[in-house]
């Protein structure tokens, strides 16, 4: 398991550290395919894309993913979660 310090030290832009989808999945206890699906449906945003396969997310993606996981546990659909997150 990755520590939070390692999580945010991996890649950096000018202002915000970036984290790969793989590490984002590991820290949140999700699979990589779940992260990619949430990105595809618009729940997570990609900050940078390297090549064809690597996606990097900013620090806000971690907090947003925690909110998505919490709402999924409560039984909300992904469409409703997207509406809730857009209002915030």
N, C-alpha and C. Protein backbone atom coordinates (compact mmCIF):
# COMPACT_ATOMS: atom_id res chain seq x y z
N UNK A 1 0.84 -1.18 0.00
CA UNK A 1 0.00 0.00 0.00
C UNK A 1 0.89 1.24 0.00
N UNK A 2 0.48 2.23 -0.73
CA UNK A 2 1.24 3.47 -0.81
C UNK A 2 0.87 4.41 0.34
N UNK A 3 1.84 5.13 0.83
CA UNK A 3 1.55 6.14 1.86
C UNK A 3 1.13 7.42 1.16
N UNK A 4 0.46 8.29 1.91
CA UNK A 4 0.00 9.55 1.32
C UNK A 4 1.17 10.43 0.91
N UNK A 5 2.29 10.38 1.65
CA UNK A 5 3.45 11.17 1.28
C UNK A 5 3.98 10.73 -0.09
N UNK A 6 4.08 9.43 -0.29
CA UNK A 6 4.52 8.91 -1.57
C UNK A 6 3.52 9.23 -2.67
N UNK A 7 2.26 9.20 -2.30
CA UNK A 7 1.16 9.43 -3.23
C UNK A 7 1.29 10.79 -3.91
N UNK A 8 1.62 11.83 -3.18
CA UNK A 8 1.67 13.17 -3.73
C UNK A 8 3.07 13.63 -4.12
N UNK A 9 4.09 12.77 -3.99
CA UNK A 9 5.43 13.16 -4.38
C UNK A 9 5.82 12.69 -5.76
N UNK A 10 5.00 11.94 -6.44
CA UNK A 10 5.44 11.25 -7.64
C UNK A 10 5.74 12.16 -8.82
N UNK A 11 4.81 12.95 -9.28
CA UNK A 11 5.03 13.88 -10.40
C UNK A 11 4.48 15.24 -10.01
N UNK A 12 5.11 16.29 -10.50
CA UNK A 12 4.62 17.61 -10.14
C UNK A 12 4.55 18.52 -11.36
N UNK A 13 3.55 19.37 -11.33
CA UNK A 13 3.47 20.45 -12.30
C UNK A 13 3.95 21.70 -11.59
N UNK A 14 3.67 22.84 -12.14
CA UNK A 14 4.12 24.07 -11.50
C UNK A 14 3.49 24.26 -10.12
N UNK A 15 2.21 23.94 -9.98
CA UNK A 15 1.52 24.25 -8.73
C UNK A 15 1.02 23.03 -7.98
N UNK A 16 0.67 21.98 -8.69
CA UNK A 16 0.05 20.84 -8.04
C UNK A 16 0.78 19.56 -8.38
N UNK A 17 0.95 18.71 -7.38
CA UNK A 17 1.53 17.40 -7.68
C UNK A 17 0.51 16.55 -8.43
N UNK A 18 1.01 15.69 -9.30
CA UNK A 18 0.16 14.80 -10.05
C UNK A 18 0.38 13.37 -9.58
N UNK A 19 -0.65 12.55 -9.72
CA UNK A 19 -0.55 11.15 -9.33
C UNK A 19 -1.14 10.31 -10.47
N UNK A 20 -0.54 9.16 -10.69
CA UNK A 20 -1.03 8.29 -11.75
C UNK A 20 -2.34 7.63 -11.34
N UNK A 21 -3.06 7.16 -12.33
CA UNK A 21 -4.32 6.46 -12.06
C UNK A 21 -4.08 5.21 -11.23
N UNK A 22 -2.98 4.54 -11.47
CA UNK A 22 -2.65 3.32 -10.74
C UNK A 22 -2.46 3.59 -9.25
N UNK A 23 -1.75 4.64 -8.93
CA UNK A 23 -1.53 4.98 -7.52
C UNK A 23 -2.80 5.53 -6.87
N UNK A 24 -3.59 6.25 -7.64
CA UNK A 24 -4.86 6.74 -7.14
C UNK A 24 -5.77 5.57 -6.78
N UNK A 25 -5.77 4.56 -7.61
CA UNK A 25 -6.57 3.36 -7.34
C UNK A 25 -6.06 2.63 -6.10
N UNK A 26 -4.75 2.50 -5.96
CA UNK A 26 -4.17 1.77 -4.83
C UNK A 26 -4.46 2.46 -3.50
N UNK A 27 -4.35 3.77 -3.47
CA UNK A 27 -4.58 4.51 -2.23
C UNK A 27 -6.04 4.42 -1.80
N UNK A 28 -6.95 4.40 -2.77
CA UNK A 28 -8.38 4.37 -2.46
C UNK A 28 -8.97 2.98 -2.41
N UNK A 29 -8.16 1.95 -2.62
CA UNK A 29 -8.65 0.58 -2.56
C UNK A 29 -9.58 0.22 -3.70
N UNK A 30 -9.33 0.77 -4.87
CA UNK A 30 -10.15 0.50 -6.05
C UNK A 30 -9.28 -0.13 -7.13
N UNK A 31 -9.92 -0.62 -8.16
CA UNK A 31 -9.16 -1.16 -9.28
C UNK A 31 -8.87 -0.06 -10.29
N UNK A 32 -7.87 -0.31 -11.11
CA UNK A 32 -7.51 0.65 -12.15
C UNK A 32 -8.64 0.82 -13.16
N UNK A 33 -9.35 -0.26 -13.44
CA UNK A 33 -10.46 -0.16 -14.40
C UNK A 33 -11.59 0.72 -13.85
N UNK A 34 -11.78 0.72 -12.53
CA UNK A 34 -12.78 1.60 -11.92
C UNK A 34 -12.40 3.07 -12.11
N UNK A 35 -11.13 3.37 -11.90
CA UNK A 35 -10.64 4.75 -12.07
C UNK A 35 -10.83 5.18 -13.53
N UNK A 36 -10.48 4.30 -14.45
CA UNK A 36 -10.63 4.63 -15.87
C UNK A 36 -12.10 4.80 -16.24
N UNK A 37 -12.97 3.98 -15.67
CA UNK A 37 -14.40 4.12 -15.96
C UNK A 37 -14.94 5.45 -15.42
N UNK A 38 -14.57 5.79 -14.18
CA UNK A 38 -15.02 7.06 -13.60
C UNK A 38 -14.50 8.24 -14.42
N UNK A 39 -13.31 8.11 -15.00
CA UNK A 39 -12.77 9.15 -15.86
C UNK A 39 -13.58 9.24 -17.15
N UNK A 40 -13.93 8.09 -17.70
CA UNK A 40 -14.69 8.04 -18.95
C UNK A 40 -16.07 8.67 -18.81
N UNK A 41 -16.75 8.39 -17.68
CA UNK A 41 -18.11 8.92 -17.50
C UNK A 41 -18.11 10.34 -16.95
N UNK A 42 -16.94 10.90 -16.66
CA UNK A 42 -16.85 12.30 -16.27
C UNK A 42 -16.84 12.58 -14.78
N UNK A 43 -16.69 11.56 -13.94
CA UNK A 43 -16.63 11.80 -12.50
C UNK A 43 -15.26 12.28 -12.06
N UNK A 44 -14.22 11.87 -12.76
CA UNK A 44 -12.85 12.31 -12.49
C UNK A 44 -12.31 12.99 -13.74
N UNK A 45 -11.44 13.95 -13.54
CA UNK A 45 -10.83 14.64 -14.66
C UNK A 45 -9.36 14.29 -14.74
N UNK A 46 -8.89 14.16 -15.98
CA UNK A 46 -7.48 13.86 -16.22
C UNK A 46 -6.74 15.16 -16.35
N UNK A 47 -5.68 15.30 -15.59
CA UNK A 47 -4.88 16.52 -15.66
C UNK A 47 -3.87 16.45 -16.81
N UNK A 48 -3.30 15.27 -16.99
CA UNK A 48 -2.32 15.09 -18.06
C UNK A 48 -2.39 13.65 -18.55
N UNK A 49 -2.22 13.50 -19.84
CA UNK A 49 -2.22 12.16 -20.43
C UNK A 49 -0.87 11.96 -21.09
N UNK A 50 -0.20 10.87 -20.74
CA UNK A 50 1.12 10.57 -21.30
C UNK A 50 0.99 9.33 -22.17
N UNK A 51 1.31 9.47 -23.43
CA UNK A 51 1.19 8.34 -24.34
C UNK A 51 -0.27 7.93 -24.50
N UNK A 52 -0.49 6.67 -24.69
CA UNK A 52 -1.85 6.17 -24.85
C UNK A 52 -2.45 5.66 -23.57
N UNK A 53 -1.64 5.27 -22.60
CA UNK A 53 -2.18 4.52 -21.47
C UNK A 53 -2.09 5.21 -20.11
N UNK A 54 -1.23 6.16 -19.94
CA UNK A 54 -1.02 6.73 -18.61
C UNK A 54 -1.80 8.02 -18.43
N UNK A 55 -2.57 8.04 -17.36
CA UNK A 55 -3.34 9.23 -17.00
C UNK A 55 -2.83 9.73 -15.66
N UNK A 56 -2.74 11.04 -15.51
CA UNK A 56 -2.33 11.64 -14.25
C UNK A 56 -3.43 12.57 -13.77
N UNK A 57 -3.69 12.51 -12.48
CA UNK A 57 -4.75 13.30 -11.86
C UNK A 57 -4.14 14.25 -10.84
N UNK A 58 -4.85 15.33 -10.54
CA UNK A 58 -4.38 16.29 -9.54
C UNK A 58 -4.87 15.89 -8.15
N UNK A 59 -4.47 16.65 -7.17
CA UNK A 59 -4.78 16.34 -5.78
C UNK A 59 -6.29 16.31 -5.50
N UNK A 60 -7.05 17.14 -6.17
CA UNK A 60 -8.50 17.17 -5.94
C UNK A 60 -9.16 15.85 -6.33
N UNK A 61 -8.54 15.11 -7.23
CA UNK A 61 -9.12 13.83 -7.67
C UNK A 61 -9.23 12.85 -6.51
N UNK A 62 -8.29 12.90 -5.57
CA UNK A 62 -8.33 12.01 -4.41
C UNK A 62 -9.56 12.31 -3.55
N UNK A 63 -9.80 13.57 -3.25
CA UNK A 63 -10.96 13.95 -2.45
C UNK A 63 -12.26 13.65 -3.20
N UNK A 64 -12.27 13.92 -4.48
CA UNK A 64 -13.46 13.67 -5.28
C UNK A 64 -13.77 12.17 -5.35
N UNK A 65 -12.74 11.36 -5.47
CA UNK A 65 -12.92 9.91 -5.52
C UNK A 65 -13.45 9.37 -4.19
N UNK A 66 -13.02 9.96 -3.10
CA UNK A 66 -13.55 9.56 -1.79
C UNK A 66 -15.04 9.89 -1.69
N UNK A 67 -15.44 11.05 -2.23
CA UNK A 67 -16.85 11.41 -2.23
C UNK A 67 -17.66 10.45 -3.09
N UNK A 68 -17.13 10.09 -4.24
CA UNK A 68 -17.82 9.15 -5.13
C UNK A 68 -17.99 7.81 -4.43
N UNK A 69 -16.93 7.31 -3.78
CA UNK A 69 -17.01 6.02 -3.08
C UNK A 69 -18.03 6.06 -1.95
N UNK A 70 -18.05 7.17 -1.22
CA UNK A 70 -19.00 7.31 -0.12
C UNK A 70 -20.44 7.31 -0.63
N UNK A 71 -20.69 8.04 -1.71
CA UNK A 71 -22.04 8.10 -2.27
C UNK A 71 -22.45 6.77 -2.89
N UNK A 72 -21.50 6.05 -3.49
CA UNK A 72 -21.81 4.72 -4.05
C UNK A 72 -22.20 3.75 -2.93
N UNK A 73 -21.53 3.84 -1.79
CA UNK A 73 -21.87 2.98 -0.65
C UNK A 73 -23.28 3.26 -0.14
N UNK A 74 -23.71 4.49 -0.28
CA UNK A 74 -25.06 4.85 0.16
C UNK A 74 -26.13 4.50 -0.86
N UNK A 75 -25.71 3.98 -2.03
CA UNK A 75 -26.66 3.50 -3.01
C UNK A 75 -27.02 4.46 -4.12
N UNK A 76 -26.32 5.57 -4.24
CA UNK A 76 -26.60 6.53 -5.31
C UNK A 76 -26.11 6.00 -6.66
N UNK A 77 -26.81 6.35 -7.72
CA UNK A 77 -26.37 5.97 -9.07
C UNK A 77 -25.27 6.93 -9.52
N UNK A 78 -24.52 6.53 -10.54
CA UNK A 78 -23.44 7.38 -11.03
C UNK A 78 -23.97 8.67 -11.65
N UNK A 79 -25.13 8.60 -12.28
CA UNK A 79 -25.73 9.81 -12.86
C UNK A 79 -26.08 10.82 -11.77
N UNK A 80 -26.64 10.34 -10.68
CA UNK A 80 -26.99 11.22 -9.56
C UNK A 80 -25.73 11.76 -8.88
N UNK A 81 -24.71 10.92 -8.76
CA UNK A 81 -23.44 11.37 -8.16
C UNK A 81 -22.84 12.48 -9.00
N UNK A 82 -22.88 12.35 -10.32
CA UNK A 82 -22.35 13.39 -11.19
C UNK A 82 -23.08 14.70 -10.99
N UNK A 83 -24.41 14.65 -10.85
CA UNK A 83 -25.20 15.86 -10.60
C UNK A 83 -24.83 16.49 -9.27
N UNK A 84 -24.65 15.67 -8.25
CA UNK A 84 -24.29 16.18 -6.92
C UNK A 84 -22.92 16.86 -6.97
N UNK A 85 -21.96 16.23 -7.63
CA UNK A 85 -20.60 16.78 -7.70
C UNK A 85 -20.54 18.05 -8.55
N UNK A 86 -21.37 18.16 -9.56
CA UNK A 86 -21.38 19.36 -10.39
C UNK A 86 -21.92 20.57 -9.64
N UNK A 87 -22.79 20.34 -8.67
CA UNK A 87 -23.35 21.45 -7.89
C UNK A 87 -22.36 22.00 -6.89
N UNK A 88 -21.36 21.22 -6.52
CA UNK A 88 -20.39 21.66 -5.51
C UNK A 88 -19.30 22.49 -6.09
